[in-house]
Structure formats: structure tokens, C-alpha cells
Amino acid sequence: MKTIDKYLKFKEMYKDHVIIIKLGNFYYTFLDDTYILNYLFGYQIRENKIGFPLTAKAKVKSVLNRNNINLIEVIDDYAYILESKNKNAYQETLKAAKSNILISNVLNNLMSAIEIKVKKEEANYELIKEFVDEL
């Protein structure tokens, strides 16, 4: 069974939990859970997944616990509940994380557009600066 298939199987059972899957010396997570780990830790999302070393598990567990986010660790075909709270903040954190990604993408696109305009004509810098200062 592929790792993503394993993730989807457990995600179906634990919708409001971050699912981390141990594979070799790393843990992996996918899809919506990547937004949460990106938001809380700055881990980079690549091809809808995030990987982090086994040595970071205690930190991940601690931060998720502090943020009231439930956590499931999958080793082989077994799921272990590492954190499970009645007042789970998974959905609220996911919403904030997706908003953060959206804002980051918009800002990156804006910065790229500004860079192109300034490189094309240096005088554009002053025009852009004046516009931003007026905001």
C-alpha cells in the first residue's frame, strides 16, 4: 500500500487529527495536514506532502498539543493516538493555515510583479513606493 493510500485510510477514520506516517527516518503527512504543519512550523509543502525527521516528533507533538490539535502517528499499519482532546482546534487551525497560504501566494505574486516592473524601468520604483505610502 502506498503511503498516500495509508494516509487516506486513516484520515477517513480520524478527520480532525493530523496524521503523521513513519517511513524510514522521516514522518510524512499529506493534503490538509500539510497546511497545518506549514503554518505552525514553516515546513515546506512539496507535491501535497511534508516530510520531517524522526527527531522532530517531540517538537511537533508538543506544538500541536499546545494548539489543541489532535495527532495520530501511523507506524506500519497501526495508528497510535498521540494527542486527542475534546476541544480539538483542527478545523480552526486549518482555516487559518489555508488563509495564511493564500496571503503568502498573493504577496509572492505581487512581489514578482513589482520586481519585473522595477527591473524594466527603475523609475517605476518611485511610483510604486508613492502608491504604497499613500495606502
Protein backbone atom coordinates (compact mmCIF):
# COMPACT_ATOMS: atom_id res chain seq x y z
CA MET A 1 0.00 0.00 0.00
CA LYS A 2 1.36 3.43 -0.96
CA THR A 3 1.95 5.95 1.80
CA ILE A 4 -0.75 8.29 0.48
CA ASP A 5 -3.25 5.43 0.46
CA LYS A 6 -2.37 4.62 4.05
CA TYR A 7 -2.81 8.30 4.93
CA LEU A 8 -6.24 8.44 3.26
CA LYS A 9 -7.36 5.26 5.04
CA PHE A 10 -6.54 6.69 8.47
CA LYS A 11 -7.73 10.19 7.57
CA GLU A 12 -11.16 8.75 6.84
CA MET A 13 -11.31 7.46 10.42
CA TYR A 14 -9.66 10.49 12.06
CA LYS A 15 -10.83 13.50 10.05
CA ASP A 16 -9.94 16.12 12.66
CA HIS A 17 -6.49 14.78 13.50
CA VAL A 18 -3.11 15.48 11.97
CA ILE A 19 -1.90 12.13 10.64
CA ILE A 20 1.86 11.53 10.52
CA ILE A 21 3.18 8.36 8.89
CA LYS A 22 6.59 6.95 9.80
CA LEU A 23 8.58 5.89 6.78
CA GLY A 24 12.27 5.20 7.33
CA ASN A 25 13.90 8.09 9.18
CA PHE A 26 11.07 10.52 8.41
CA TYR A 27 7.44 11.24 9.12
CA TYR A 28 5.18 12.31 6.28
CA THR A 29 1.79 13.94 6.07
CA PHE A 30 -0.38 14.95 3.15
CA LEU A 31 -3.14 17.24 1.88
CA ASP A 32 -4.84 19.45 4.53
CA ASP A 33 -2.47 18.34 7.29
CA THR A 34 0.42 19.87 5.33
CA TYR A 35 -1.17 23.31 5.65
CA ILE A 36 -1.24 22.99 9.43
CA LEU A 37 2.40 21.90 9.65
CA ASN A 38 3.44 24.62 7.22
CA TYR A 39 1.54 27.20 9.26
CA LEU A 40 2.87 26.11 12.66
CA PHE A 41 6.42 25.07 11.74
CA GLY A 42 7.23 26.61 8.36
CA TYR A 43 7.82 23.18 6.81
CA GLN A 44 7.75 23.39 3.02
CA ILE A 45 4.91 21.71 1.14
CA ARG A 46 6.15 19.74 -1.86
CA GLU A 47 3.76 17.80 -4.08
CA ASN A 48 0.99 17.99 -1.44
CA LYS A 49 3.18 16.43 1.26
CA ILE A 50 5.53 17.40 4.04
CA GLY A 51 8.31 15.29 5.49
CA PHE A 52 10.22 15.88 8.69
CA PRO A 53 12.86 13.84 10.55
CA LEU A 54 12.01 11.46 13.38
CA THR A 55 13.99 13.72 15.72
CA ALA A 56 11.37 16.48 15.27
CA LYS A 57 8.46 14.32 16.50
CA ALA A 58 8.63 15.57 20.11
CA LYS A 59 8.56 19.19 18.93
CA VAL A 60 5.66 18.52 16.55
CA LYS A 61 3.73 16.70 19.27
CA SER A 62 4.37 19.49 21.79
CA VAL A 63 3.30 22.34 19.47
CA LEU A 64 0.20 20.51 18.28
CA ASN A 65 -0.70 19.75 21.90
CA ARG A 66 -0.23 23.41 22.86
CA ASN A 67 -2.51 24.38 19.96
CA ASN A 68 -5.14 21.77 20.90
CA ILE A 69 -4.74 19.80 17.68
CA ASN A 70 -5.20 16.04 17.79
CA LEU A 71 -2.37 13.89 16.45
CA ILE A 72 -2.20 10.32 15.13
CA GLU A 73 1.08 8.53 14.43
CA VAL A 74 0.97 5.67 11.92
CA ILE A 75 3.67 3.03 12.06
CA ASP A 76 3.30 0.21 9.55
CA ASP A 77 -0.47 -0.37 9.51
CA TYR A 78 -1.20 0.72 13.07
CA ALA A 79 -2.43 4.10 14.27
CA TYR A 80 -1.37 5.42 17.66
CA ILE A 81 -3.24 8.34 19.18
CA LEU A 82 -0.58 10.71 20.49
CA GLU A 83 -2.93 13.57 21.34
CA SER A 84 -6.70 13.59 21.50
CA LYS A 85 -8.56 16.49 23.06
CA ASN A 86 -12.24 17.15 23.41
CA LYS A 87 -11.72 20.77 22.35
CA ASN A 88 -9.84 19.99 19.17
CA ALA A 89 -8.81 23.10 17.23
CA TYR A 90 -8.01 21.24 14.00
CA GLN A 91 -10.65 22.91 11.82
CA GLU A 92 -9.95 26.44 13.11
CA THR A 93 -6.21 25.99 12.63
CA LEU A 94 -6.72 24.54 9.15
CA LYS A 95 -8.80 27.57 8.18
CA ALA A 96 -6.11 29.95 9.47
CA ALA A 97 -3.39 27.92 7.74
CA LYS A 98 -5.16 27.98 4.37
CA SER A 99 -5.72 31.72 4.71
CA ASN A 100 -2.03 32.18 5.50
CA ILE A 101 -1.01 30.19 2.40
CA LEU A 102 -3.36 32.25 0.25
CA ILE A 103 -1.98 35.54 1.58
CA SER A 104 1.61 34.32 1.10
CA ASN A 105 0.86 33.36 -2.52
CA VAL A 106 -0.77 36.72 -3.24
CA LEU A 107 2.18 38.59 -1.71
CA ASN A 108 4.71 36.48 -3.62
CA ASN A 109 2.89 37.18 -6.89
CA LEU A 110 2.75 40.89 -6.08
CA MET A 111 6.47 40.99 -5.25
CA SER A 112 7.29 39.23 -8.52
CA ALA A 113 5.21 41.73 -10.48
CA ILE A 114 6.89 44.65 -8.70
CA GLU A 115 10.34 43.19 -9.37
CA ILE A 116 9.56 42.88 -13.08
CA LYS A 117 8.30 46.48 -13.27
CA VAL A 118 11.31 47.91 -11.40
CA LYS A 119 13.82 45.92 -13.47
CA LYS A 120 12.11 47.12 -16.65
CA GLU A 121 12.24 50.77 -15.59
CA GLU A 122 13.91 52.00 -12.38
CA ALA A 123 11.57 55.00 -12.24
CA ASN A 124 8.75 52.57 -11.51
CA TYR A 125 10.23 52.08 -8.04
CA GLU A 126 9.35 55.62 -7.02
CA LEU A 127 5.84 55.32 -8.47
CA ILE A 128 5.23 52.05 -6.64
CA LYS A 129 6.70 53.45 -3.42
CA GLU A 130 4.47 56.55 -3.62
CA PHE A 131 1.42 54.36 -4.20
CA VAL A 132 2.23 52.11 -1.24
CA ASP A 133 2.99 55.07 1.01
CA GLU A 134 -0.44 56.54 0.20
CA LEU A 135 -2.19 53.33 1.28
